[in-house]
N, C-alpha and C. Protein backbone atom coordinates (compact mmCIF):
# COMPACT_ATOMS: atom_id res chain seq x y z
N MET A 1 -28.91 -8.47 9.57
CA MET A 1 -28.21 -8.66 8.32
C MET A 1 -26.92 -9.44 8.60
N SER A 2 -26.59 -10.38 7.74
CA SER A 2 -25.37 -11.16 7.94
C SER A 2 -24.14 -10.30 7.71
N LYS A 3 -23.02 -10.76 8.22
CA LYS A 3 -21.77 -10.00 8.10
C LYS A 3 -21.37 -9.87 6.62
N ALA A 4 -21.52 -10.96 5.86
CA ALA A 4 -21.13 -10.92 4.44
C ALA A 4 -21.97 -9.93 3.66
N SER A 5 -23.29 -9.94 3.86
CA SER A 5 -24.14 -9.01 3.11
C SER A 5 -23.88 -7.57 3.55
N ASN A 6 -23.53 -7.38 4.82
CA ASN A 6 -23.18 -6.04 5.30
C ASN A 6 -21.90 -5.55 4.62
N LEU A 7 -20.89 -6.41 4.48
CA LEU A 7 -19.65 -6.04 3.81
C LEU A 7 -19.89 -5.67 2.36
N VAL A 8 -20.71 -6.48 1.68
CA VAL A 8 -21.00 -6.22 0.27
C VAL A 8 -21.76 -4.92 0.10
N SER A 9 -22.79 -4.70 0.92
CA SER A 9 -23.56 -3.46 0.79
C SER A 9 -22.71 -2.24 1.12
N ASN A 10 -21.84 -2.33 2.11
CA ASN A 10 -20.95 -1.21 2.43
C ASN A 10 -19.98 -0.92 1.29
N ALA A 11 -19.50 -1.98 0.63
CA ALA A 11 -18.59 -1.80 -0.50
C ALA A 11 -19.31 -1.11 -1.66
N ILE A 12 -20.56 -1.49 -1.90
CA ILE A 12 -21.31 -0.92 -3.02
C ILE A 12 -21.61 0.56 -2.78
N ILE A 13 -22.01 0.92 -1.58
CA ILE A 13 -22.37 2.32 -1.34
C ILE A 13 -21.18 3.18 -0.90
N GLY A 14 -20.03 2.57 -0.73
CA GLY A 14 -18.82 3.34 -0.45
C GLY A 14 -18.60 3.73 0.99
N THR A 15 -19.19 3.02 1.93
CA THR A 15 -19.00 3.37 3.34
C THR A 15 -17.93 2.52 4.02
N ASP A 16 -17.29 1.65 3.28
CA ASP A 16 -16.23 0.85 3.87
C ASP A 16 -14.88 1.51 3.61
N TYR A 17 -14.35 2.11 4.62
CA TYR A 17 -13.05 2.76 4.52
C TYR A 17 -12.42 2.81 5.90
N ILE A 18 -11.14 3.13 5.91
CA ILE A 18 -10.43 3.35 7.17
C ILE A 18 -9.81 4.74 7.11
N LEU A 19 -9.48 5.27 8.26
CA LEU A 19 -8.74 6.52 8.33
C LEU A 19 -7.31 6.20 8.74
N VAL A 20 -6.36 6.75 8.02
CA VAL A 20 -4.96 6.63 8.41
C VAL A 20 -4.46 8.03 8.73
N TYR A 21 -3.52 8.11 9.63
CA TYR A 21 -3.01 9.40 10.08
C TYR A 21 -1.53 9.52 9.78
N VAL A 22 -1.18 10.59 9.07
CA VAL A 22 0.22 10.89 8.77
C VAL A 22 0.41 12.37 9.04
N ASN A 23 1.40 12.68 9.86
CA ASN A 23 1.72 14.07 10.20
C ASN A 23 0.50 14.78 10.78
N SER A 24 -0.20 14.08 11.67
CA SER A 24 -1.39 14.60 12.37
C SER A 24 -2.55 14.97 11.45
N LYS A 25 -2.58 14.40 10.25
CA LYS A 25 -3.67 14.64 9.32
C LYS A 25 -4.31 13.30 8.97
N ALA A 26 -5.64 13.27 8.92
CA ALA A 26 -6.36 12.03 8.60
C ALA A 26 -6.61 11.94 7.10
N TYR A 27 -6.42 10.73 6.57
CA TYR A 27 -6.68 10.45 5.16
C TYR A 27 -7.58 9.23 5.08
N PRO A 28 -8.70 9.32 4.36
CA PRO A 28 -9.56 8.15 4.20
C PRO A 28 -8.98 7.22 3.12
N VAL A 29 -8.98 5.93 3.41
CA VAL A 29 -8.50 4.93 2.45
C VAL A 29 -9.62 3.93 2.24
N ARG A 30 -10.06 3.81 1.01
CA ARG A 30 -11.07 2.83 0.65
C ARG A 30 -10.37 1.57 0.13
N PRO A 31 -11.05 0.43 0.15
CA PRO A 31 -10.41 -0.76 -0.43
C PRO A 31 -9.93 -0.44 -1.85
N PRO A 32 -8.66 -0.69 -2.12
CA PRO A 32 -8.07 -0.22 -3.37
C PRO A 32 -8.56 -0.97 -4.60
N THR A 33 -8.63 -0.23 -5.70
CA THR A 33 -8.93 -0.80 -7.00
C THR A 33 -7.66 -1.45 -7.55
N ILE A 34 -7.80 -2.14 -8.66
CA ILE A 34 -6.62 -2.75 -9.30
C ILE A 34 -5.63 -1.67 -9.71
N LYS A 35 -6.12 -0.54 -10.21
CA LYS A 35 -5.24 0.55 -10.62
C LYS A 35 -4.44 1.08 -9.43
N LYS A 36 -5.12 1.30 -8.29
CA LYS A 36 -4.42 1.81 -7.11
C LYS A 36 -3.39 0.80 -6.60
N LEU A 37 -3.77 -0.48 -6.60
CA LEU A 37 -2.82 -1.51 -6.17
C LEU A 37 -1.62 -1.57 -7.10
N ALA A 38 -1.86 -1.50 -8.40
CA ALA A 38 -0.75 -1.55 -9.36
C ALA A 38 0.20 -0.38 -9.15
N GLY A 39 -0.33 0.80 -8.90
CA GLY A 39 0.52 1.96 -8.64
C GLY A 39 1.36 1.79 -7.38
N ALA A 40 0.72 1.30 -6.31
CA ALA A 40 1.44 1.07 -5.05
C ALA A 40 2.49 -0.02 -5.22
N ILE A 41 2.13 -1.07 -5.93
CA ILE A 41 3.06 -2.18 -6.16
C ILE A 41 4.27 -1.70 -6.95
N SER A 42 4.04 -0.83 -7.94
CA SER A 42 5.17 -0.36 -8.74
C SER A 42 6.17 0.42 -7.88
N CYS A 43 5.70 1.08 -6.83
CA CYS A 43 6.60 1.81 -5.93
C CYS A 43 7.35 0.85 -5.01
N ILE A 44 6.63 -0.08 -4.41
CA ILE A 44 7.22 -0.99 -3.42
C ILE A 44 8.09 -2.07 -4.07
N SER A 45 7.81 -2.44 -5.32
CA SER A 45 8.55 -3.53 -5.95
C SER A 45 10.02 -3.19 -6.16
N LYS A 46 10.38 -1.92 -6.04
CA LYS A 46 11.78 -1.51 -6.21
C LYS A 46 12.62 -1.82 -4.98
N LEU A 47 11.96 -2.21 -3.89
CA LEU A 47 12.65 -2.45 -2.63
C LEU A 47 12.88 -3.94 -2.38
N GLU A 48 13.88 -4.24 -1.61
CA GLU A 48 14.14 -5.61 -1.17
C GLU A 48 13.56 -5.77 0.23
N LEU A 49 12.32 -6.23 0.31
CA LEU A 49 11.68 -6.42 1.60
C LEU A 49 12.12 -7.74 2.20
N GLY A 50 12.19 -7.79 3.53
CA GLY A 50 12.51 -9.05 4.20
C GLY A 50 11.39 -10.06 4.00
N ASP A 51 11.67 -11.31 4.30
CA ASP A 51 10.68 -12.37 4.09
C ASP A 51 10.07 -12.88 5.39
N THR A 52 10.42 -12.30 6.52
CA THR A 52 9.92 -12.82 7.79
C THR A 52 9.16 -11.76 8.55
N GLY A 53 8.31 -12.23 9.44
CA GLY A 53 7.55 -11.32 10.29
C GLY A 53 6.28 -10.85 9.62
N THR A 54 5.67 -9.86 10.22
CA THR A 54 4.44 -9.29 9.70
C THR A 54 4.76 -8.33 8.55
N LEU A 55 3.74 -7.88 7.86
CA LEU A 55 3.95 -6.91 6.80
C LEU A 55 4.62 -5.66 7.36
N LYS A 56 4.17 -5.23 8.52
CA LYS A 56 4.77 -4.04 9.13
C LYS A 56 6.25 -4.25 9.41
N ASP A 57 6.63 -5.45 9.89
CA ASP A 57 8.05 -5.75 10.12
C ASP A 57 8.83 -5.69 8.81
N MET A 58 8.24 -6.21 7.74
CA MET A 58 8.91 -6.17 6.44
C MET A 58 9.10 -4.75 5.96
N LEU A 59 8.08 -3.92 6.14
CA LEU A 59 8.18 -2.52 5.72
C LEU A 59 9.21 -1.77 6.55
N LEU A 60 9.27 -2.08 7.83
CA LEU A 60 10.25 -1.41 8.70
C LEU A 60 11.69 -1.80 8.36
N SER A 61 11.87 -2.97 7.72
CA SER A 61 13.22 -3.44 7.41
C SER A 61 13.89 -2.60 6.32
N THR A 62 13.12 -1.91 5.51
CA THR A 62 13.66 -1.06 4.46
C THR A 62 13.28 0.37 4.77
N LYS A 63 14.22 1.20 5.02
CA LYS A 63 13.97 2.58 5.47
C LYS A 63 13.87 3.54 4.28
N ASP A 64 12.81 3.41 3.49
CA ASP A 64 12.64 4.30 2.35
C ASP A 64 11.29 4.98 2.44
N CYS A 65 11.23 6.04 3.21
CA CYS A 65 9.98 6.76 3.46
C CYS A 65 9.43 7.36 2.16
N GLU A 66 10.30 7.78 1.26
CA GLU A 66 9.84 8.41 0.01
C GLU A 66 9.03 7.43 -0.84
N LEU A 67 9.55 6.22 -1.03
CA LEU A 67 8.82 5.22 -1.82
C LEU A 67 7.54 4.78 -1.11
N TYR A 68 7.60 4.66 0.21
CA TYR A 68 6.40 4.30 0.97
C TYR A 68 5.34 5.39 0.86
N ALA A 69 5.76 6.65 0.89
CA ALA A 69 4.82 7.76 0.75
C ALA A 69 4.17 7.75 -0.64
N LYS A 70 4.96 7.39 -1.65
CA LYS A 70 4.41 7.28 -3.00
C LYS A 70 3.38 6.16 -3.07
N ALA A 71 3.72 5.01 -2.49
CA ALA A 71 2.78 3.88 -2.49
C ALA A 71 1.50 4.24 -1.74
N LEU A 72 1.64 4.91 -0.61
CA LEU A 72 0.48 5.32 0.17
C LEU A 72 -0.37 6.32 -0.60
N SER A 73 0.27 7.23 -1.31
CA SER A 73 -0.46 8.19 -2.13
C SER A 73 -1.30 7.47 -3.18
N TRP A 74 -0.73 6.43 -3.78
CA TRP A 74 -1.50 5.64 -4.74
C TRP A 74 -2.71 5.01 -4.08
N LEU A 75 -2.54 4.49 -2.88
CA LEU A 75 -3.65 3.82 -2.20
C LEU A 75 -4.72 4.79 -1.73
N ILE A 76 -4.34 6.01 -1.42
CA ILE A 76 -5.31 7.01 -0.95
C ILE A 76 -6.00 7.69 -2.13
N ASN A 77 -5.20 8.16 -3.09
CA ASN A 77 -5.71 9.04 -4.15
C ASN A 77 -5.70 8.43 -5.55
N GLY A 78 -4.97 7.34 -5.73
CA GLY A 78 -4.89 6.75 -7.06
C GLY A 78 -3.86 7.41 -7.96
N ASP A 79 -2.96 8.19 -7.35
CA ASP A 79 -1.88 8.84 -8.09
C ASP A 79 -0.80 9.29 -7.10
N LEU A 80 0.17 10.02 -7.58
CA LEU A 80 1.29 10.46 -6.73
C LEU A 80 1.10 11.85 -6.14
N SER A 81 -0.09 12.42 -6.25
CA SER A 81 -0.31 13.81 -5.87
C SER A 81 -0.10 14.09 -4.37
N LEU A 82 -0.23 13.09 -3.52
CA LEU A 82 -0.05 13.29 -2.08
C LEU A 82 1.33 12.87 -1.58
N SER A 83 2.19 12.38 -2.45
CA SER A 83 3.44 11.78 -1.99
C SER A 83 4.35 12.76 -1.25
N GLU A 84 4.46 13.99 -1.73
CA GLU A 84 5.31 14.97 -1.02
C GLU A 84 4.75 15.29 0.35
N GLU A 85 3.44 15.50 0.41
CA GLU A 85 2.78 15.81 1.68
C GLU A 85 2.93 14.65 2.67
N LEU A 86 2.76 13.43 2.18
CA LEU A 86 2.88 12.26 3.05
C LEU A 86 4.31 12.02 3.51
N SER A 87 5.29 12.35 2.67
CA SER A 87 6.68 12.13 3.05
C SER A 87 7.15 13.08 4.15
N GLU A 88 6.35 14.10 4.46
CA GLU A 88 6.68 15.00 5.56
C GLU A 88 6.36 14.38 6.91
N GLY A 89 5.58 13.30 6.92
CA GLY A 89 5.27 12.60 8.17
C GLY A 89 6.46 11.76 8.63
N THR A 90 6.36 11.23 9.83
CA THR A 90 7.43 10.38 10.33
C THR A 90 7.42 9.06 9.58
N PHE A 91 8.55 8.40 9.58
CA PHE A 91 8.67 7.09 8.94
C PHE A 91 7.65 6.12 9.53
N GLU A 92 7.50 6.14 10.86
CA GLU A 92 6.58 5.23 11.54
C GLU A 92 5.13 5.52 11.15
N ASP A 93 4.77 6.80 11.03
CA ASP A 93 3.41 7.17 10.60
C ASP A 93 3.11 6.60 9.22
N VAL A 94 4.05 6.77 8.31
CA VAL A 94 3.85 6.32 6.93
C VAL A 94 3.76 4.79 6.89
N VAL A 95 4.62 4.11 7.62
CA VAL A 95 4.59 2.65 7.65
C VAL A 95 3.28 2.14 8.28
N ASP A 96 2.86 2.75 9.38
CA ASP A 96 1.59 2.35 10.00
C ASP A 96 0.43 2.53 9.04
N ALA A 97 0.39 3.67 8.36
CA ALA A 97 -0.70 3.95 7.42
C ALA A 97 -0.67 2.98 6.24
N LEU A 98 0.52 2.72 5.72
CA LEU A 98 0.66 1.80 4.59
C LEU A 98 0.25 0.39 4.99
N SER A 99 0.67 -0.03 6.16
CA SER A 99 0.30 -1.36 6.66
C SER A 99 -1.21 -1.48 6.83
N SER A 100 -1.84 -0.47 7.38
CA SER A 100 -3.29 -0.47 7.55
C SER A 100 -4.02 -0.50 6.21
N ALA A 101 -3.51 0.25 5.24
CA ALA A 101 -4.13 0.28 3.92
C ALA A 101 -4.03 -1.08 3.24
N PHE A 102 -2.88 -1.74 3.38
CA PHE A 102 -2.72 -3.06 2.77
C PHE A 102 -3.59 -4.11 3.45
N ASP A 103 -3.91 -3.89 4.72
CA ASP A 103 -4.79 -4.82 5.42
C ASP A 103 -6.18 -4.85 4.81
N LEU A 104 -6.56 -3.82 4.08
CA LEU A 104 -7.86 -3.82 3.40
C LEU A 104 -7.90 -4.85 2.28
N VAL A 105 -6.75 -5.22 1.76
CA VAL A 105 -6.66 -6.17 0.66
C VAL A 105 -6.29 -7.55 1.16
N GLY A 106 -5.36 -7.61 2.04
CA GLY A 106 -4.76 -8.87 2.44
C GLY A 106 -3.30 -8.81 2.04
N VAL A 107 -2.44 -9.26 2.88
CA VAL A 107 -1.01 -9.11 2.67
C VAL A 107 -0.47 -10.05 1.59
N GLY A 108 -0.92 -11.29 1.60
CA GLY A 108 -0.38 -12.30 0.69
C GLY A 108 -0.42 -11.91 -0.77
N PRO A 109 -1.59 -11.54 -1.30
CA PRO A 109 -1.64 -11.18 -2.72
C PRO A 109 -0.75 -9.99 -3.06
N PHE A 110 -0.66 -9.01 -2.16
CA PHE A 110 0.17 -7.84 -2.44
C PHE A 110 1.64 -8.23 -2.53
N LEU A 111 2.14 -8.98 -1.55
CA LEU A 111 3.55 -9.35 -1.55
C LEU A 111 3.90 -10.20 -2.76
N LYS A 112 3.01 -11.10 -3.14
CA LYS A 112 3.26 -11.93 -4.33
C LYS A 112 3.31 -11.05 -5.57
N ALA A 113 2.39 -10.09 -5.69
CA ALA A 113 2.39 -9.20 -6.85
C ALA A 113 3.65 -8.35 -6.90
N ALA A 114 4.09 -7.85 -5.75
CA ALA A 114 5.31 -7.04 -5.71
C ALA A 114 6.52 -7.87 -6.13
N SER A 115 6.58 -9.10 -5.66
CA SER A 115 7.69 -9.98 -6.01
C SER A 115 7.67 -10.31 -7.50
N LEU A 116 6.50 -10.61 -8.04
CA LEU A 116 6.39 -10.92 -9.47
C LEU A 116 6.75 -9.71 -10.33
N THR A 117 6.35 -8.52 -9.91
CA THR A 117 6.68 -7.31 -10.66
C THR A 117 8.19 -7.10 -10.69
N ARG A 118 8.84 -7.30 -9.55
CA ARG A 118 10.30 -7.13 -9.48
C ARG A 118 10.98 -8.17 -10.37
N ASN A 119 10.53 -9.43 -10.30
CA ASN A 119 11.14 -10.48 -11.12
C ASN A 119 10.94 -10.23 -12.61
N ALA A 120 9.75 -9.75 -12.99
CA ALA A 120 9.49 -9.47 -14.41
C ALA A 120 10.37 -8.34 -14.91
N SER A 121 10.57 -7.31 -14.09
CA SER A 121 11.41 -6.19 -14.53
C SER A 121 12.87 -6.63 -14.64
N GLU A 122 13.32 -7.52 -13.77
CA GLU A 122 14.69 -8.01 -13.86
C GLU A 122 14.89 -8.87 -15.11
N LEU A 123 13.87 -9.67 -15.44
CA LEU A 123 13.97 -10.48 -16.66
C LEU A 123 14.00 -9.60 -17.91
N ALA A 124 13.19 -8.57 -17.92
CA ALA A 124 13.13 -7.68 -19.09
C ALA A 124 14.42 -6.90 -19.23
N ALA A 125 15.09 -6.59 -18.14
CA ALA A 125 16.30 -5.77 -18.18
C ALA A 125 17.57 -6.57 -18.44
N SER A 126 17.54 -7.88 -18.22
CA SER A 126 18.76 -8.66 -18.37
C SER A 126 18.98 -9.05 -19.83
N PRO A 127 20.23 -8.90 -20.31
CA PRO A 127 20.52 -9.26 -21.69
C PRO A 127 20.52 -10.78 -21.86
N ARG A 128 20.21 -11.20 -23.04
CA ARG A 128 20.16 -12.66 -23.30
C ARG A 128 21.27 -13.07 -24.19
C-alpha cells in the first residue's frame, strides 16, 4: 500500500495518533479538528511569541504554562477539562507535548491563524 493511501486509511479508521507525556502520564492526541485547533489558537493567540527558530523555540520564549496547558487540553480533549491536570506537569513537558501535537497539523498554518486571531481581536478592541 502506498504511503498516501496508508495515511488516509489510518485517518478514516482513527489509528493515526501520537502519545504525549505530561507529568508521567500519557495522553493520546489525534490530528486536531477545526474546533480543537480554534480552541488551542484562542489560548495561544494571547501571547507574544517570537518569530525566529522552531515552534518549540517560540513556545519556550514565552513562559506561560497555564495557557499552554489550556491549548494542549483543547488539542487532546476538545475542551479545557484537562488544563488543570496538564498544568501540574513541568513547563518543558507541556511545551514538548504541545509542540508534538502541533506537528500533526504543520506549524505554518497554526502560527498564521494565531497571528490573525490576535490582529482581529486588536482591531475589534481599538476605538475608531
